[in-house]
Amino acid sequence: MARLVLWNMMTLDGMVAGANGDISWHEDVWGPELEQFSEAQLQEASGLLFGRLTYDLMAGYWPRESGVIADFMNRVPKYVASRSLSRLEWSNAHLLAADLAADVDRLKEGSAKDLFLFGSADLASTLIAHDLIDEYRLAINPRVLGGGAPLFKPGQAIMLRLIDSRALSSGVVIVRYVPVREV
């Protein structure tokens, strides 16, 4: 059974996007180390989950790009949670059912390799509420935005256990956490 891994870059103050969805601050730290880490993660993934906004951004970007990451992004199955879309134009993209939790459970059961949730803070919030995220893998950018879209929504209390951390020369710290689940 696959795990669902949330992979996101966030700022020190917990934002995954600034005002109006701005993520230009990713460029401050993108470089060979983060690219190499991202490429290595691709080997673990059998599919990607997106909310509609992240899907729109990704579908508008990756089909025009080339290289290892672009080839993967355009080839891998993509699963999109949306109440407004009825069709998806990006190759190998599929809409998730209205019963999102059941659909994600089904995807996890049907896959040997992990599924990754990129971006999509609102979708992450829903999946957190259903205890469906098995690992939180975060690239913490050494920047404070002072506002924007937080990864973790107010009122969502979860206990996590650190399983790994790694500092990059750009100042990014990659941390990996797993939920502490009641036995």
Protein backbone atom coordinates (compact mmCIF):
# COMPACT_ATOMS: atom_id res chain seq x y z
CA MET A 1 0.00 0.00 0.00
CA ALA A 2 1.27 3.43 -0.92
CA ARG A 3 1.73 6.33 1.44
CA LEU A 4 0.52 9.84 0.78
CA VAL A 5 3.42 12.28 1.09
CA LEU A 6 2.76 16.01 1.34
CA TRP A 7 5.70 17.80 -0.33
CA ASN A 8 5.70 21.55 -0.11
CA MET A 9 7.96 24.55 0.19
CA MET A 10 6.86 26.92 2.90
CA THR A 11 8.25 30.00 4.58
CA LEU A 12 9.37 30.25 8.18
CA ASP A 13 5.98 31.72 9.01
CA GLY A 14 4.17 28.74 7.46
CA MET A 15 3.02 30.24 4.15
CA VAL A 16 2.93 28.20 0.94
CA ALA A 17 2.01 31.24 -1.15
CA GLY A 18 2.14 34.97 -0.65
CA ALA A 19 -0.46 37.56 -1.58
CA ASN A 20 -2.42 36.67 -4.72
CA GLY A 21 -0.82 33.21 -4.82
CA ASP A 22 2.72 34.54 -5.36
CA ILE A 23 5.37 31.82 -5.18
CA SER A 24 8.21 33.79 -6.81
CA TRP A 25 10.13 33.43 -3.53
CA HIS A 26 10.79 29.78 -4.52
CA GLU A 27 13.34 31.15 -6.97
CA ASP A 28 15.40 32.58 -4.08
CA VAL A 29 16.49 29.08 -3.07
CA TRP A 30 16.07 26.96 -6.19
CA GLY A 31 19.38 25.54 -7.31
CA PRO A 32 21.29 22.32 -7.96
CA GLU A 33 20.76 20.86 -4.47
CA LEU A 34 16.99 21.35 -4.41
CA GLU A 35 16.71 20.23 -8.02
CA GLN A 36 18.69 17.06 -7.25
CA PHE A 37 16.50 16.37 -4.20
CA SER A 38 13.35 16.91 -6.30
CA GLU A 39 14.57 14.57 -9.02
CA ALA A 40 15.41 11.87 -6.45
CA GLN A 41 11.89 12.11 -5.00
CA LEU A 42 10.39 11.41 -8.40
CA GLN A 43 11.67 7.84 -8.14
CA GLU A 44 9.37 7.32 -5.13
CA ALA A 45 6.18 8.58 -6.78
CA SER A 46 3.52 6.70 -8.69
CA GLY A 47 1.16 9.66 -8.90
CA LEU A 48 0.53 13.26 -7.86
CA LEU A 49 -2.44 14.87 -6.14
CA PHE A 50 -3.43 18.48 -6.78
CA GLY A 51 -6.19 20.85 -5.84
CA ARG A 52 -7.67 22.84 -8.70
CA LEU A 53 -5.53 25.96 -8.27
CA THR A 54 -2.27 24.00 -8.16
CA TYR A 55 -3.43 21.87 -11.07
CA ASP A 56 -4.10 25.01 -13.13
CA LEU A 57 -0.62 26.37 -12.34
CA MET A 58 1.13 23.08 -13.08
CA ALA A 59 -0.85 22.35 -16.25
CA GLY A 60 -0.05 25.84 -17.50
CA TYR A 61 3.67 25.39 -16.91
CA TRP A 62 5.01 21.82 -17.31
CA PRO A 63 3.69 20.92 -20.79
CA ARG A 64 5.88 23.71 -22.23
CA GLU A 65 9.03 22.58 -20.37
CA SER A 66 11.62 19.85 -21.00
CA GLY A 67 14.06 17.93 -18.85
CA VAL A 68 13.92 15.19 -16.22
CA ILE A 69 11.35 16.87 -13.96
CA ALA A 70 9.18 18.08 -16.85
CA ASP A 71 9.19 14.64 -18.47
CA PHE A 72 8.08 13.10 -15.18
CA MET A 73 5.41 15.74 -14.53
CA ASN A 74 3.92 15.28 -17.98
CA ARG A 75 4.00 11.46 -17.84
CA VAL A 76 2.93 10.58 -14.27
CA PRO A 77 -0.74 10.10 -13.36
CA LYS A 78 -2.18 13.26 -11.82
CA TYR A 79 -5.28 13.23 -9.61
CA VAL A 80 -7.19 16.47 -9.19
CA ALA A 81 -9.72 17.42 -6.53
CA SER A 82 -12.09 19.99 -7.97
CA ARG A 83 -15.74 20.90 -7.64
CA SER A 84 -15.62 23.21 -10.67
CA LEU A 85 -13.70 21.31 -13.35
CA SER A 86 -15.41 18.69 -15.48
CA ARG A 87 -12.53 18.04 -17.91
CA LEU A 88 -8.76 18.01 -17.57
CA GLU A 89 -6.55 18.84 -20.54
CA TRP A 90 -3.12 17.87 -19.16
CA SER A 91 -1.89 14.42 -20.14
CA ASN A 92 -2.72 11.57 -17.78
CA ALA A 93 -4.81 13.78 -15.44
CA HIS A 94 -7.89 12.40 -13.69
CA LEU A 95 -10.63 14.01 -11.61
CA LEU A 96 -11.13 12.63 -8.12
CA ALA A 97 -14.62 11.59 -7.07
CA ALA A 98 -16.90 13.64 -4.81
CA ASP A 99 -16.03 11.27 -1.93
CA LEU A 100 -12.45 12.49 -1.79
CA ALA A 101 -11.39 10.47 1.27
CA ALA A 102 -12.61 7.20 -0.25
CA ASP A 103 -10.96 8.01 -3.58
CA VAL A 104 -7.61 8.79 -1.96
CA ASP A 105 -7.84 5.59 0.12
CA ARG A 106 -8.50 3.65 -3.08
CA LEU A 107 -5.48 5.26 -4.79
CA LYS A 108 -3.24 4.44 -1.83
CA GLU A 109 -4.43 0.82 -1.78
CA GLY A 110 -3.92 0.40 -5.51
CA SER A 111 -0.36 1.68 -5.70
CA ALA A 112 2.96 0.17 -4.66
CA LYS A 113 4.84 3.48 -4.86
CA ASP A 114 3.95 6.60 -2.90
CA LEU A 115 1.57 9.34 -3.98
CA PHE A 116 2.69 12.93 -3.56
CA LEU A 117 0.54 15.95 -2.78
CA PHE A 118 2.14 19.12 -4.20
CA GLY A 119 1.05 22.61 -3.20
CA SER A 120 -2.69 22.57 -2.69
CA ALA A 121 -3.01 23.88 0.88
CA ASP A 122 -6.82 23.64 0.81
CA LEU A 123 -6.72 20.03 -0.38
CA ALA A 124 -4.05 19.30 2.26
CA SER A 125 -6.38 20.69 4.92
CA THR A 126 -9.14 18.30 3.83
CA LEU A 127 -6.77 15.34 3.74
CA ILE A 128 -5.35 16.26 7.17
CA ALA A 129 -8.88 16.30 8.58
CA HIS A 130 -9.35 12.73 7.27
CA ASP A 131 -5.91 11.61 8.58
CA LEU A 132 -4.83 10.58 5.07
CA ILE A 133 -1.35 12.15 4.97
CA ASP A 134 1.35 9.67 5.95
CA GLU A 135 4.37 11.95 5.70
CA TYR A 136 4.91 15.71 5.79
CA ARG A 137 7.99 16.57 3.74
CA LEU A 138 8.63 20.30 3.89
CA ALA A 139 11.29 22.54 2.40
CA ILE A 140 11.43 25.47 4.80
CA ASN A 141 12.50 28.60 2.98
CA PRO A 142 14.39 31.13 5.17
CA ARG A 143 11.91 33.89 4.39
CA VAL A 144 9.02 35.42 6.30
CA LEU A 145 6.17 36.67 4.12
CA GLY A 146 4.03 38.10 6.90
CA GLY A 147 0.85 36.81 5.28
CA GLY A 148 -0.53 34.76 2.45
CA ALA A 149 -1.81 31.19 2.27
CA PRO A 150 -0.81 29.08 5.27
CA LEU A 151 -0.14 25.37 4.87
CA PHE A 152 -1.80 24.52 8.18
CA LYS A 153 -5.22 26.01 8.80
CA PRO A 154 -6.28 27.38 12.19
CA GLY A 155 -7.90 24.75 14.35
CA GLN A 156 -6.07 21.79 12.81
CA ALA A 157 -4.03 20.27 15.61
CA ILE A 158 -1.85 17.31 14.70
CA MET A 159 1.12 15.75 16.44
CA LEU A 160 4.13 14.96 14.26
CA ARG A 161 7.38 13.08 14.84
CA LEU A 162 10.59 14.15 13.06
CA ILE A 163 12.18 11.36 11.01
CA ASP A 164 14.80 13.35 9.08
CA SER A 165 16.18 16.82 8.49
CA ARG A 166 18.69 18.18 6.03
CA ALA A 167 20.04 21.70 5.55
CA LEU A 168 20.93 22.91 2.06
CA SER A 169 23.53 25.56 1.24
CA SER A 170 20.70 27.87 0.02
CA GLY A 171 19.39 28.07 3.60
CA VAL A 172 16.47 25.73 2.94
CA VAL A 173 15.95 23.06 5.57
CA ILE A 174 14.14 19.94 4.40
CA VAL A 175 12.28 18.27 7.24
CA ARG A 176 10.35 15.01 7.20
CA TYR A 177 7.65 14.26 9.74
CA VAL A 178 5.17 11.44 10.23
CA PRO A 179 1.91 11.76 12.12
CA VAL A 180 1.79 10.41 15.65
CA ARG A 181 -1.32 8.27 15.46
CA GLU A 182 -3.13 6.83 18.44
CA VAL A 183 -2.70 3.09 18.73
